[in-house]
Structures are given as structure tokens and as C-alpha cells.
Protein backbone atom coordinates (compact mmCIF):
# COMPACT_ATOMS: atom_id res chain seq x y z
CA MET A 1 148.61 111.90 57.74
CA THR A 2 147.19 108.28 57.89
CA THR A 3 145.59 106.51 55.12
CA PRO A 4 143.67 103.84 54.81
CA GLN A 5 146.76 102.17 52.21
CA ASP A 6 148.51 100.27 54.82
CA LEU A 7 145.76 97.81 55.30
CA ALA A 8 146.55 96.69 51.59
CA PRO A 9 148.07 93.27 51.50
CA THR A 10 151.26 92.19 49.88
CA ARG A 11 149.75 89.82 47.12
CA LYS A 12 146.18 90.44 45.49
CA SER A 13 144.08 88.05 44.14
CA LEU A 14 143.13 87.58 40.66
CA ALA A 15 139.44 89.20 41.62
CA ALA A 16 141.10 91.92 43.46
CA ARG A 17 143.60 92.99 40.65
CA VAL A 18 140.80 92.86 37.60
CA ARG A 19 138.22 94.39 39.61
CA GLY A 20 140.64 96.92 41.22
CA TRP A 21 139.69 95.98 44.77
CA ARG A 22 141.95 97.45 47.47
CA VAL A 23 142.16 94.71 49.86
CA ASP A 24 140.33 90.95 49.35
CA SER A 25 137.98 91.82 52.33
CA ALA A 26 136.27 94.33 50.07
CA GLY A 27 135.07 91.47 48.16
CA VAL A 28 132.28 91.10 50.00
CA GLU A 29 131.16 94.98 49.33
CA GLN A 30 131.69 94.34 45.71
CA ARG A 31 129.40 91.26 45.60
CA LEU A 32 126.53 93.34 47.36
CA ARG A 33 127.14 96.08 44.74
CA ASP A 34 127.62 93.74 41.64
CA LEU A 35 124.06 91.96 43.12
CA GLU A 36 122.25 95.18 43.22
CA ALA A 37 123.89 96.20 39.25
CA VAL A 38 122.65 92.77 38.05
CA ALA A 39 119.19 93.01 39.31
CA ARG A 40 119.07 96.59 38.22
CA ALA A 41 120.23 95.54 34.72
CA HIS A 42 117.97 92.66 34.21
CA ARG A 43 115.29 94.91 35.05
CA ARG A 44 116.61 97.56 32.59
CA ARG A 45 117.12 94.75 29.95
CA TRP A 46 113.38 94.08 29.62
CA VAL A 47 112.89 97.71 28.83
CA MET A 48 115.96 97.44 25.94
CA VAL A 49 114.25 94.14 24.56
CA GLY A 50 110.65 95.88 24.31
CA ALA A 51 112.22 99.21 22.92
CA GLY A 52 114.33 97.21 20.37
CA PHE A 53 111.71 95.41 19.05
CA LEU A 54 109.50 98.34 18.82
CA LEU A 55 111.99 100.39 16.77
CA GLY A 56 112.98 97.46 14.60
CA ALA A 57 109.09 96.86 13.96
CA LEU A 58 108.47 100.61 13.15
CA GLY A 59 111.72 100.49 10.73
CA TRP A 60 110.29 97.71 8.90
CA ILE A 61 107.28 99.22 8.63
CA ALA A 62 108.91 102.58 7.42
CA GLY A 63 110.79 100.26 5.01
CA VAL A 64 114.33 101.64 6.52
CA VAL A 65 114.96 97.92 7.92
CA PRO A 66 114.78 95.16 5.72
CA THR A 67 115.01 92.34 8.55
CA HIS A 68 112.07 90.37 8.45
CA PRO A 69 109.66 90.30 11.65
CA THR A 70 109.83 86.70 12.25
CA THR A 71 113.54 87.25 12.56
CA MET A 72 112.85 90.13 15.05
CA VAL A 73 110.48 88.14 17.03
CA LEU A 74 113.00 85.31 17.01
CA VAL A 75 115.92 87.60 18.63
CA ALA A 76 113.59 89.31 20.90
CA GLY A 77 112.71 85.75 22.36
CA ALA A 78 116.26 84.79 22.54
CA VAL A 79 117.30 87.72 24.41
CA ALA A 80 114.17 87.34 26.61
CA VAL A 81 115.11 83.83 27.75
CA LEU A 82 118.63 84.85 28.47
CA ASN A 83 117.60 87.60 30.54
CA ALA A 84 115.02 85.60 32.41
CA VAL A 85 118.29 83.12 32.91
CA ALA A 86 119.86 85.81 34.21
CA GLY A 87 117.14 86.70 36.43
CA ILE A 88 117.05 82.97 37.82
CA ILE A 89 120.57 83.48 38.39
CA SER A 90 120.18 86.31 40.41
CA GLU A 91 117.29 85.53 42.67
CA ARG A 92 119.20 82.14 43.62
CA GLY A 93 121.84 83.85 44.86
CA TRP A 94 124.74 82.15 42.47
CA TYR A 95 127.51 84.73 42.09
CA ARG A 96 131.22 85.04 40.33
CA TRP A 97 132.80 87.72 40.30
CA TRP A 98 133.27 87.93 36.29
CA LEU A 99 129.46 87.70 35.94
CA ILE A 100 129.06 91.41 35.77
CA TYR A 101 131.45 91.37 32.54
CA VAL A 102 129.36 88.50 30.81
CA LEU A 103 126.22 90.56 31.33
CA ALA A 104 127.93 93.68 30.20
CA LEU A 105 128.59 91.90 27.18
CA LEU A 106 125.09 90.65 26.90
CA ASP A 107 123.97 94.40 27.11
CA ALA A 108 126.50 95.41 24.70
CA LEU A 109 125.50 93.26 22.19
CA LEU A 110 121.67 93.72 22.50
CA VAL A 111 122.37 97.27 21.91
CA GLY A 112 124.30 96.04 18.85
CA VAL A 113 121.51 94.28 17.35
CA PRO A 114 119.59 97.69 16.17
CA VAL A 115 122.85 98.78 14.46
CA VAL A 116 122.71 95.28 12.77
CA TRP A 117 119.23 95.75 11.58
CA PHE A 118 119.78 100.11 10.57
CA GLY A 119 122.91 100.32 9.77
CA HIS A 120 125.80 102.50 11.29
CA GLY A 121 124.88 106.02 11.83
CA GLY A 122 123.19 107.56 15.11
CA LEU A 123 122.35 104.24 16.81
CA VAL A 124 126.05 104.50 18.25
CA ALA A 125 124.65 106.99 20.91
CA ALA A 126 122.45 103.72 21.95
CA PHE A 127 125.58 101.86 23.42
CA PHE A 128 125.43 104.78 26.41
CA ILE A 129 122.96 102.99 27.91
CA ALA A 130 125.25 99.96 28.23
CA VAL A 131 128.00 102.02 29.15
CA LEU A 132 126.75 104.41 31.63
CA PRO A 133 124.96 102.37 34.13
CA TYR A 134 127.79 100.16 34.81
CA ALA A 135 130.61 102.76 34.87
CA PHE A 136 128.39 104.45 37.51
CA ASP A 137 127.68 101.19 39.59
CA GLN A 138 130.89 99.55 38.84
CA GLY A 139 133.53 102.02 38.64
CA GLN A 140 136.59 102.45 36.04
CA ALA A 141 137.64 98.91 35.55
CA VAL A 142 133.83 97.67 34.21
CA GLY A 143 133.68 101.09 32.56
CA ASP A 144 136.80 100.85 30.53
CA PHE A 145 135.94 97.13 29.64
CA LEU A 146 132.16 98.13 28.38
CA VAL A 147 133.84 101.28 26.26
CA LEU A 148 135.97 98.90 24.51
CA ILE A 149 133.82 96.07 23.89
CA SER A 150 130.86 98.61 22.83
CA ALA A 151 133.29 100.27 20.37
CA LEU A 152 134.08 96.66 18.92
CA VAL A 153 130.36 95.37 18.91
CA TYR A 154 129.66 98.65 17.29
CA LEU A 155 132.26 98.00 14.16
CA ALA A 156 130.96 94.28 14.08
CA ALA A 157 127.34 95.15 14.07
CA SER A 158 128.19 97.54 11.41
CA GLN A 159 130.20 95.29 9.36
CA LEU A 160 127.51 92.37 9.82
CA HIS A 161 124.66 94.89 8.64
CA HIS A 162 127.10 95.14 5.65
CA VAL A 163 127.43 91.55 4.94
CA LEU A 164 123.87 91.03 5.65
CA TYR A 165 122.01 93.42 3.31
CA ARG A 166 124.86 94.46 0.89
CA SER A 167 124.89 98.12 2.13
CA ASP A 168 126.70 100.42 0.13
CA ALA A 169 129.20 101.04 3.12
CA GLY A 170 130.88 98.64 5.71
CA LEU A 171 133.87 99.74 7.93
CA GLY A 172 133.96 103.12 6.21
CA ALA A 173 135.84 106.17 7.45
CA ALA A 174 132.27 107.13 8.84
CA THR A 175 131.93 104.18 10.96
CA TYR A 176 135.69 104.78 12.33
CA LEU A 177 135.08 108.37 13.08
CA GLU A 178 131.59 107.37 14.74
CA THR A 179 133.44 104.90 16.94
CA MET A 180 136.28 107.46 17.67
CA VAL A 181 133.67 110.00 19.10
CA PHE A 182 131.79 107.34 20.69
CA ILE A 183 135.15 106.27 22.56
CA ALA A 184 136.11 109.75 23.54
CA VAL A 185 132.91 110.98 24.94
CA ALA A 186 132.29 107.31 26.30
CA MET A 187 135.57 107.85 28.24
CA ALA A 188 134.83 111.23 29.46
CA LEU A 189 131.38 110.49 30.56
CA LYS A 190 132.66 107.51 32.43
CA ARG A 191 135.64 109.43 34.04
CA ILE A 192 133.41 111.55 35.91
CA PRO A 193 131.55 108.66 37.96
CA ALA A 194 134.64 106.61 37.89
CA ARG A 195 136.51 109.62 39.74
CA LEU A 196 133.65 110.16 42.07
CA ILE A 197 133.07 106.49 42.65
CA GLU A 198 136.97 106.18 43.48
CA ARG A 199 136.95 109.35 46.00
CA ILE A 200 133.79 107.89 47.50
CA ARG A 201 135.48 104.37 48.44
CA HIS A 202 138.83 106.42 49.33
CA THR A 203 136.57 108.12 51.94
CA ARG A 204 134.86 105.08 52.96
CA GLY A 205 138.24 103.60 53.57
CA VAL A 206 138.96 106.42 55.73
CA MET A 207 136.11 105.85 57.47
CA GLY A 208 136.95 102.14 57.98
CA VAL A 209 140.31 102.76 59.31
CA ALA A 210 138.51 105.02 61.82
CA GLU A 211 136.25 102.70 63.00
CA HIS A 212 139.50 100.54 63.82
CA GLY A 213 140.08 103.09 66.49
CA GLN A 214 142.86 105.30 64.08
CA LEU A 215 141.27 108.54 64.64
CA THR A 216 144.43 110.33 63.17
CA VAL A 217 143.47 109.26 59.74
CA ARG A 218 141.92 112.04 57.46
CA ALA A 219 140.19 112.38 53.98
CA PRO A 220 141.77 114.34 51.27
CA ALA A 221 139.20 117.09 51.47
CA ALA A 222 140.61 119.06 48.16
CA GLU A 223 137.69 119.32 46.23
CA SER A 224 135.35 121.91 46.82
CA ASP A 225 132.28 119.98 45.41
CA GLU A 226 129.83 118.06 47.48
CA LEU A 227 132.13 115.03 48.63
CA GLY A 228 134.61 117.63 49.22
CA PHE A 229 132.61 119.45 51.55
CA LEU A 230 131.56 116.09 53.12
CA GLU A 231 134.98 114.82 53.51
CA LYS A 232 135.58 118.06 55.12
CA SER A 233 132.96 117.18 57.59
CA LEU A 234 134.45 114.08 58.19
CA ASN A 235 137.69 115.57 59.11
CA ARG A 236 136.14 117.78 61.53
CA MET A 237 133.95 114.80 63.10
CA LEU A 238 137.30 113.24 63.41
CA ASP A 239 138.71 116.34 65.38
CA GLU A 240 136.00 116.30 67.30
CA ILE A 241 135.76 112.84 68.34
CA SER A 242 139.48 113.10 68.98
CA GLY A 243 139.08 116.07 71.09
CA THR A 244 136.36 114.15 73.17
CA ILE A 245 138.21 111.01 73.55
CA SER A 246 141.10 113.03 74.76
CA THR A 247 138.58 114.87 77.37
CA VAL A 248 137.03 111.70 78.27
CA GLN A 249 140.59 110.26 78.82
CA ARG A 250 141.81 113.03 80.98
CA GLU A 251 138.59 113.05 83.14
CA ALA A 252 138.81 109.35 83.20
CA ASP A 253 142.78 109.67 84.69
CA GLU A 254 140.91 112.34 87.03
CA VAL A 255 138.50 109.96 88.02
CA ALA A 256 140.97 106.90 88.44
CA ALA A 257 143.14 109.55 90.72
CA PHE A 258 140.17 110.33 92.83
CA ALA A 259 139.33 106.65 93.18
CA GLU A 260 142.28 106.13 94.49
CA GLN A 261 142.25 108.84 97.02
CA LEU A 262 138.53 107.37 98.16
CA ALA A 263 140.27 104.17 98.55
CA ALA A 264 142.96 105.30 100.48
CA SER A 265 140.38 107.33 102.54
CA ALA A 266 138.34 104.13 102.58
CA GLN A 267 141.24 102.43 104.12
CA GLN A 268 141.84 105.46 106.73
CA LEU A 269 137.97 105.08 107.71
CA HIS A 270 138.30 101.29 107.92
CA ALA A 271 141.32 101.81 110.44
CA THR A 272 139.00 104.02 112.35
CA SER A 273 136.39 102.54 112.22
CA ASP A 274 138.45 99.38 114.00
CA ALA A 275 139.83 102.00 116.54
CA VAL A 276 136.09 102.85 117.06
CA THR A 277 135.01 99.37 117.42
CA HIS A 278 137.77 98.50 119.77
CA THR A 279 137.20 101.40 121.96
CA ALA A 280 133.26 100.57 121.83
CA GLN A 281 134.46 96.91 122.76
CA GLN A 282 136.06 98.31 125.91
CA LEU A 283 133.31 100.81 126.45
CA ALA A 284 130.83 97.82 126.67
CA THR A 285 133.12 96.06 128.75
CA ASP A 286 133.49 98.95 131.37
CA LEU A 287 129.91 99.49 131.01
CA SER A 288 129.40 95.54 131.88
CA GLY A 289 131.92 96.36 134.96
CA GLN A 290 130.03 99.43 136.01
CA ARG A 291 126.54 97.47 135.56
CA ALA A 292 127.85 94.83 137.68
CA MET A 293 129.42 97.27 140.29
CA ALA A 294 125.98 98.99 140.44
CA ASP A 295 124.19 96.15 140.92
CA GLY A 296 126.19 94.92 144.13
CA ALA A 297 126.08 98.68 145.15
CA ARG A 298 122.41 98.60 144.85
CA GLY A 299 122.61 95.46 146.69
CA GLU A 300 124.79 97.04 149.18
CA SER A 301 121.92 99.93 149.44
CA ALA A 302 119.44 97.93 150.00
CA LYS A 303 121.49 96.33 152.76
CA ALA A 304 122.14 99.64 154.07
CA ALA A 305 118.69 100.49 153.99
CA ASP A 306 117.71 97.50 155.89
CA GLN A 307 120.22 98.74 158.24
CA ALA A 308 119.28 102.10 158.52
CA GLU A 309 115.63 100.98 158.81
CA SER A 310 116.94 98.77 161.50
CA LEU A 311 118.49 102.04 163.38
CA ARG A 312 115.90 103.66 162.92
CA VAL A 313 113.57 101.89 164.72
CA ARG A 314 116.46 101.24 167.54
CA ALA A 315 116.64 104.98 167.55
CA GLU A 316 112.79 105.46 167.87
CA LEU A 317 112.85 102.38 170.74
CA MET A 318 115.75 104.41 172.31
CA GLN A 319 113.81 107.70 172.01
CA ALA A 320 111.11 106.45 173.63
CA ASP A 321 113.49 105.02 176.57
CA ALA A 322 114.98 108.61 176.84
CA ALA A 323 111.61 109.92 176.95
CA ARG A 324 110.61 107.52 179.98
CA LEU A 325 114.02 108.26 181.40
CA VAL A 326 113.50 112.10 181.24
CA ALA A 327 110.24 111.29 182.98
CA ALA A 328 111.78 109.36 185.26
CA ALA A 329 114.32 111.87 185.87
CA GLU A 330 111.47 114.47 186.36
CA ARG A 331 110.02 112.73 188.57
CA GLY A 332 113.02 112.20 190.61
CA ARG A 333 113.87 115.88 190.67
CA GLU A 334 110.32 116.92 191.34
CA ARG A 335 110.68 114.33 194.34
CA VAL A 336 114.24 115.42 195.47
CA ALA A 337 112.98 119.03 195.26
CA ARG A 338 109.87 117.72 197.52
CA ALA A 339 112.21 116.02 199.86
CA SER A 340 114.64 118.88 200.06
CA GLN A 341 111.45 121.19 200.78
CA THR A 342 110.51 118.95 203.58
CA LEU A 343 114.12 118.77 204.62
CA ARG A 344 113.87 122.54 204.92
CA THR A 345 110.79 122.48 206.88
CA VAL A 346 111.68 119.65 209.22
CA ALA A 347 115.16 121.57 209.95
CA GLU A 348 112.96 124.69 210.57
CA GLU A 349 110.90 122.43 212.69
CA VAL A 350 114.01 121.00 214.40
CA ARG A 351 115.62 124.57 214.80
CA ALA A 352 112.51 125.77 216.53
CA THR A 353 112.06 122.47 218.63
CA ALA A 354 115.79 123.17 219.17
CA SER A 355 115.10 126.87 220.40
CA THR A 356 112.20 125.49 222.60
CA VAL A 357 114.29 123.12 224.19
CA VAL A 358 117.16 125.48 225.04
CA GLY A 359 114.84 127.51 226.77
CA ALA A 360 113.04 124.84 228.85
CA PRO A 361 114.19 122.29 231.94
CA ALA A 362 116.64 119.50 231.60
CA GLY A 363 113.91 116.40 232.22
CA PRO A 364 111.53 117.67 229.85
CA GLU A 365 113.80 119.32 227.37
CA ARG A 366 115.01 115.59 226.62
CA ARG A 367 111.53 114.27 226.38
CA ASP A 368 110.42 117.00 223.52
CA ARG A 369 113.83 116.47 221.44
CA GLY A 370 112.97 112.85 221.55
CA CYS A 371 109.32 114.04 220.30
CA ALA A 372 110.87 115.68 217.50
CA ARG A 373 112.97 113.46 215.94
CA ARG A 374 110.50 110.85 215.89
CA THR A 375 108.29 113.53 214.35
CA ALA A 376 111.25 114.37 211.52
CA ARG A 377 111.62 110.61 210.60
CA ARG A 378 108.06 110.01 210.11
CA GLY A 379 107.84 113.27 207.64
CA LEU A 380 110.89 111.66 205.80
CA ARG A 381 109.32 108.52 205.10
CA ARG A 382 106.20 110.31 203.81
CA ARG A 383 108.38 112.34 201.45
CA GLY A 384 110.02 109.18 200.02
CA GLN A 385 106.90 107.56 199.94
């Protein structure tokens, strides 16, 4: 299983080694966390100053604290000035990686002031106010530093109380026992947030690796607490994302193959369209030729129509001539019929005349024959007219 350990550099800076950063690039995030911790500590320190001064005043009134109120006021004022300076530094954005250690030491010294006033005892529990917030905010390195510093400050404050006020016990067995109990409890309490912060940072490292595209990375998810369930949810999410990406990649490959098919089909369609265009151009050329032929045929048809019209006119004229010829022929036929009738009549008359002549004497007969011939000629002339 891939982990974010492969992102660690070969050499670490001093700040990375002291603060426990895995990579120097985490310094930006650590700076933001430090600034937030400084801002919260600044607000918490005002409460600590007010509560410590009030506790000292009440102890002086009760006769438990031998410190004069003027000293309390001066100490509270000095701590207030230091806290104000720390606030100004925080507001102006001035930052150094070791500043969190200086402010943690200031908090331990501030908690040690009531121990100087009251002496050793139950006030050792007040050091948890200085230790636990930094343990939750900064993790194991700062927590270990604060446990050690708080134990030393407690011992020093107890000894200073013995020196200033001549108490019956300085660094006695009770003081060392209280210190040992404080260290044991503080280490146990500190380990809980330190372990939790380490697991959270490791999970964030896994998420950072996944952000860079390495979806094979997985969180440990070995615990059954809320963070463990969160890590399991993260692993399931990465599985789903990997499956989704695989599906999308497969579909993208299918789409790419389909696109290639479409490209080939488009090329075929382009070739077909070129052939169709060429055929259309040929058809257009043929249609142009046919249109020209149709125009020529239309001209020839017009000429043929003109000729047909002239032929029709000539036919009508010939029909009129034929009608006249038929009428003339009919009249000739009638004339021939009348001539034939006249000839038959003349022939009958000639026969009759011949018969008459045959029975008459010769001299008068010849005269009658001449008369018949002359009569026949006049009849034929009349028929011809």
C-alpha cells in the first residue's frame, strides 16, 4: 500500500527536525497553526493574568500569601505588557518557528507565579492549563517541551518560595513526588491528543498523495474510533473514485474508438459526396446539352410548324383546286352525257332518215341525205355550246 512517506526529502531543515515536520513544505501549514495557537494563547493569557492576580489578592486577604499586593500588581502589569507585545507581534504577522516555544515558556512562567506566592501543593494542577492547549494545538514535540519546562518551573517556583518566604520545606520529597505525578499525568494526557494529531496528519498526508493523482494510497484505518471510521470512509471513497476513473477511462477508450469509426465513416461519406458531386456535375453538363438540344428542337419544331402551316395552306388551296377540278369534271361529264344523248338521238334520226332514203327515188334521196347531214352537224354544235 502506497503511503506519503515517499514524499519525504533526504535532508530536513532544523525547524523540521525540531518541530517534527515530515516535509519542509508542511511549514506553511505549521505556520498557520502556530499563528492560530498564538492568537488563542494571547486571549487565554489575559484570563490567566486576571485569575492569578485575583487568586493572589484573595490569598493575601486570607493571610495565606505573604506577598504584598503592590508586588502582585507589578508582576501582573509586567505580564500584561509582555502579553500585549506578543499580541502586537501576532497582529503584524511577524513569525519565527521557535516563537511558539518562547510563548509556551512564558505561559509556564506565568503559571509558576502563584506557586511562588502560595508554595508547592495543589497548584501544580494549574500547569495543565499551560500544557494541554499546546499539546492539542501543536502535537508531541511542543507537548514534551512544555511538560519538561513545567516540571522545572514548578520545582524552581517551589524553591523560590522557600528562599523568599523562608518556608519550612523547599525541594522536599513532597515537591518531587508532586512533580513526578504531574509529569506522569501530563505525559498520559498529552499522549492522547498527540497520537490523535499524528493520525490526523498521517491521514492528511494520504489525502495529499491522493490529491496528486496517486489513488492507490490508503489510510491505515486500524482503529475503531471516529478517526478510524473516517479513514475507512476515505479508503472507500478512494476505491469508488478509482472505479469511477477506470469506468470513465474505459468509456473514453470506447468513445475514442467510436470517434475513429466516425472519422472513417466521415471519410467514406466525403469520398461518396465527391463521387455524387462529380455525378451531379456530369448530370448538369448533360442537362445543359439536353437543354440546348431541346432549344434547337424547339426551333426546328417551330420551323416544322411553319412549314406544316404552309403545307396546310397549300393543301387547302389544292383542295379548292381539286374541288374546282371535280366541278369542272362533273360539268364535263354532264356535257359528255348530253353529247352522248345527242349522238344517240342524231344516230336514230340518221337511221330513220337512211331508212326513208332507202325507200325513196335516187335524186330526191340524195337531197334528203344532204339535208340530214346538215341537221346533225347543227345539233352537235348546239350540244357543244
